[in-house]
Amino acid sequence: MRPTSVAAMFLLVAAFAPLHAQPRVFEVCIACHSGKDDGKDVGPSLVGVFGRKAGSREDFRYSRPLARSGITWDERSLDAFLKGPDQFIPGTRMPFAGIASDAERAEVIRYLQTLK
């Protein structure tokens, strides 16, 4: 295959790729959460999480510290929570060590913004 054919094929594939593809690091999230609004997981669905008040879904029982936190999920609060949930909201029941990489947290947050 000629180099121009390879380049053309790559551009064609890229043009049809999902605009907001799920980042690979999101796999740690879907171990417990859903990217669909079905509420059938260990943790609450993440659909609509961006801009929502923490602990406000009716179909999930949250820890008291999270439900009473008064936090609305935005870039800043999600970044802090994803970095270290128990450090950001002591007493949360989310058994997750966090995502150390700033870039990976940013990817997850960008993706969460698309889940509506």
C-alpha atoms as a PDB file:
ATOM      1  CA  MET A   1       0.000   0.000   0.000  1.00  0.00           C
ATOM      2  CA  ARG A   2       1.327   3.421  -0.903  1.00  0.00           C
ATOM      3  CA  PRO A   3       1.961   5.974   1.875  1.00  0.00           C
ATOM      4  CA  THR A   4      -0.712   8.303   0.468  1.00  0.00           C
ATOM      5  CA  SER A   5      -3.236   5.440   0.607  1.00  0.00           C
ATOM      6  CA  VAL A   6      -2.355   4.766   4.235  1.00  0.00           C
ATOM      7  CA  ALA A   7      -2.737   8.449   5.104  1.00  0.00           C
ATOM      8  CA  ALA A   8      -6.067   8.649   3.292  1.00  0.00           C
ATOM      9  CA  MET A   9      -7.335   5.540   5.122  1.00  0.00           C
ATOM     10  CA  PHE A  10      -6.245   7.002   8.467  1.00  0.00           C
ATOM     11  CA  LEU A  11      -8.114  10.255   7.756  1.00  0.00           C
ATOM     12  CA  LEU A  12     -11.214   8.328   6.733  1.00  0.00           C
ATOM     13  CA  VAL A  13     -11.188   6.272   9.936  1.00  0.00           C
ATOM     14  CA  ALA A  14     -10.571   9.389  12.044  1.00  0.00           C
ATOM     15  CA  ALA A  15     -13.477  11.173  10.362  1.00  0.00           C
ATOM     16  CA  PHE A  16     -15.897   8.439  11.407  1.00  0.00           C
ATOM     17  CA  ALA A  17     -14.518   7.861  14.903  1.00  0.00           C
ATOM     18  CA  PRO A  18     -16.778   8.937  17.769  1.00  0.00           C
ATOM     19  CA  LEU A  19     -16.227  12.586  18.622  1.00  0.00           C
ATOM     20  CA  HIS A  20     -16.145  11.859  22.341  1.00  0.00           C
ATOM     21  CA  ALA A  21     -14.700   8.371  22.527  1.00  0.00           C
ATOM     22  CA  GLN A  22     -14.448   6.811  25.951  1.00  0.00           C
ATOM     23  CA  PRO A  23     -10.876   7.257  27.197  1.00  0.00           C
ATOM     24  CA  ARG A  24      -9.024   4.105  28.160  1.00  0.00           C
ATOM     25  CA  VAL A  25      -8.596   5.286  31.755  1.00  0.00           C
ATOM     26  CA  PHE A  26     -12.413   5.408  32.083  1.00  0.00           C
ATOM     27  CA  GLU A  27     -12.295   1.611  32.332  1.00  0.00           C
ATOM     28  CA  VAL A  28     -11.467   2.001  36.035  1.00  0.00           C
ATOM     29  CA  CYS A  29     -14.729   3.948  36.423  1.00  0.00           C
ATOM     30  CA  ILE A  30     -16.962   1.481  34.603  1.00  0.00           C
ATOM     31  CA  ALA A  31     -15.824  -1.270  36.933  1.00  0.00           C
ATOM     32  CA  CYS A  32     -18.488   0.143  39.298  1.00  0.00           C
ATOM     33  CA  HIS A  33     -20.339   2.884  37.387  1.00  0.00           C
ATOM     34  CA  SER A  34     -22.375   2.963  34.214  1.00  0.00           C
ATOM     35  CA  GLY A  35     -22.121   5.431  31.364  1.00  0.00           C
ATOM     36  CA  LYS A  36     -25.810   4.771  30.734  1.00  0.00           C
ATOM     37  CA  ASP A  37     -28.768   5.956  32.750  1.00  0.00           C
ATOM     38  CA  ASP A  38     -29.788   2.504  33.910  1.00  0.00           C
ATOM     39  CA  GLY A  39     -28.791   2.603  37.602  1.00  0.00           C
ATOM     40  CA  LYS A  40     -27.791  -1.060  37.646  1.00  0.00           C
ATOM     41  CA  ASP A  41     -24.263  -0.927  39.012  1.00  0.00           C
ATOM     42  CA  VAL A  42     -22.379  -0.864  42.306  1.00  0.00           C
ATOM     43  CA  GLY A  43     -22.064   2.918  42.041  1.00  0.00           C
ATOM     44  CA  PRO A  44     -24.461   5.500  40.639  1.00  0.00           C
ATOM     45  CA  SER A  45     -24.772   6.085  36.903  1.00  0.00           C
ATOM     46  CA  LEU A  46     -22.425   8.806  35.668  1.00  0.00           C
ATOM     47  CA  VAL A  47     -24.887  10.115  33.086  1.00  0.00           C
ATOM     48  CA  GLY A  48     -25.472  13.789  33.814  1.00  0.00           C
ATOM     49  CA  VAL A  49     -22.931  13.885  36.636  1.00  0.00           C
ATOM     50  CA  PHE A  50     -21.281  17.048  35.299  1.00  0.00           C
ATOM     51  CA  GLY A  51     -23.182  19.997  36.782  1.00  0.00           C
ATOM     52  CA  ARG A  52     -25.197  17.818  39.167  1.00  0.00           C
ATOM     53  CA  LYS A  53     -25.227  18.231  42.930  1.00  0.00           C
ATOM     54  CA  ALA A  54     -23.189  15.480  44.611  1.00  0.00           C
ATOM     55  CA  GLY A  55     -25.259  12.727  46.187  1.00  0.00           C
ATOM     56  CA  SER A  56     -28.490  13.787  44.525  1.00  0.00           C
ATOM     57  CA  ARG A  57     -29.576  10.794  42.419  1.00  0.00           C
ATOM     58  CA  GLU A  58     -32.710   9.243  43.883  1.00  0.00           C
ATOM     59  CA  ASP A  59     -31.777   5.719  42.745  1.00  0.00           C
ATOM     60  CA  PHE A  60     -28.585   5.446  44.810  1.00  0.00           C
ATOM     61  CA  ARG A  61     -27.845   5.526  48.539  1.00  0.00           C
ATOM     62  CA  TYR A  62     -24.840   7.811  49.065  1.00  0.00           C
ATOM     63  CA  SER A  63     -22.642   8.180  52.133  1.00  0.00           C
ATOM     64  CA  ARG A  64     -23.703  10.998  54.446  1.00  0.00           C
ATOM     65  CA  PRO A  65     -20.484  12.971  53.913  1.00  0.00           C
ATOM     66  CA  LEU A  66     -20.993  12.960  50.136  1.00  0.00           C
ATOM     67  CA  ALA A  67     -24.735  13.676  50.290  1.00  0.00           C
ATOM     68  CA  ARG A  68     -24.166  16.573  52.714  1.00  0.00           C
ATOM     69  CA  SER A  69     -21.087  17.976  50.958  1.00  0.00           C
ATOM     70  CA  GLY A  70     -22.950  20.695  49.056  1.00  0.00           C
ATOM     71  CA  ILE A  71     -20.654  20.083  46.079  1.00  0.00           C
ATOM     72  CA  THR A  72     -21.809  20.549  42.511  1.00  0.00           C
ATOM     73  CA  TRP A  73     -19.672  18.495  40.131  1.00  0.00           C
ATOM     74  CA  ASP A  74     -17.583  20.723  37.879  1.00  0.00           C
ATOM     75  CA  GLU A  75     -14.013  20.496  36.523  1.00  0.00           C
ATOM     76  CA  ARG A  76     -12.436  21.561  39.796  1.00  0.00           C
ATOM     77  CA  SER A  77     -14.446  19.346  42.143  1.00  0.00           C
ATOM     78  CA  LEU A  78     -14.282  16.313  39.837  1.00  0.00           C
ATOM     79  CA  ASP A  79     -10.528  16.732  39.491  1.00  0.00           C
ATOM     80  CA  ALA A  80     -10.041  16.828  43.260  1.00  0.00           C
ATOM     81  CA  PHE A  81     -12.408  13.888  43.817  1.00  0.00           C
ATOM     82  CA  LEU A  82     -10.855  11.740  41.089  1.00  0.00           C
ATOM     83  CA  LYS A  83      -7.369  12.477  42.434  1.00  0.00           C
ATOM     84  CA  GLY A  84      -8.260  11.180  45.904  1.00  0.00           C
ATOM     85  CA  PRO A  85     -11.911  10.628  46.787  1.00  0.00           C
ATOM     86  CA  ASP A  86     -11.298  10.021  50.492  1.00  0.00           C
ATOM     87  CA  GLN A  87      -9.013  13.049  50.794  1.00  0.00           C
ATOM     88  CA  PHE A  88     -11.524  15.339  49.077  1.00  0.00           C
ATOM     89  CA  ILE A  89     -14.586  14.015  50.938  1.00  0.00           C
ATOM     90  CA  PRO A  90     -13.485  12.119  54.056  1.00  0.00           C
ATOM     91  CA  GLY A  91     -15.890   9.282  54.813  1.00  0.00           C
ATOM     92  CA  THR A  92     -17.045   8.686  51.251  1.00  0.00           C
ATOM     93  CA  ARG A  93     -17.823   5.039  50.567  1.00  0.00           C
ATOM     94  CA  MET A  94     -16.161   5.019  47.161  1.00  0.00           C
ATOM     95  CA  PRO A  95     -13.344   2.454  47.466  1.00  0.00           C
ATOM     96  CA  PHE A  96     -11.029   3.993  44.910  1.00  0.00           C
ATOM     97  CA  ALA A  97      -7.422   5.110  45.342  1.00  0.00           C
ATOM     98  CA  GLY A  98      -7.740   7.816  42.689  1.00  0.00           C
ATOM     99  CA  ILE A  99      -6.163   8.720  39.365  1.00  0.00           C
ATOM    100  CA  ALA A 100      -2.698  10.183  39.907  1.00  0.00           C
ATOM    101  CA  SER A 101      -2.156  11.514  36.391  1.00  0.00           C
ATOM    102  CA  ASP A 102      -3.404  15.069  35.766  1.00  0.00           C
ATOM    103  CA  ALA A 103      -3.797  14.288  32.057  1.00  0.00           C
ATOM    104  CA  GLU A 104      -5.828  11.135  32.684  1.00  0.00           C
ATOM    105  CA  ARG A 105      -8.138  12.927  35.127  1.00  0.00           C
ATOM    106  CA  ALA A 106      -8.657  15.650  32.533  1.00  0.00           C
ATOM    107  CA  GLU A 107      -9.576  12.987  29.947  1.00  0.00           C
ATOM    108  CA  VAL A 108     -12.138  11.449  32.287  1.00  0.00           C
ATOM    109  CA  ILE A 109     -13.638  14.854  33.114  1.00  0.00           C
ATOM    110  CA  ARG A 110     -13.929  15.780  29.421  1.00  0.00           C
ATOM    111  CA  TYR A 111     -15.663  12.468  28.789  1.00  0.00           C
ATOM    112  CA  LEU A 112     -18.026  12.896  31.762  1.00  0.00           C
ATOM    113  CA  GLN A 113     -19.137  16.209  30.250  1.00  0.00           C
ATOM    114  CA  THR A 114     -20.439  14.283  27.223  1.00  0.00           C
ATOM    115  CA  LEU A 115     -22.579  11.837  29.218  1.00  0.00           C
ATOM    116  CA  LYS A 116     -25.994  13.467  29.095  1.00  0.00           C
END
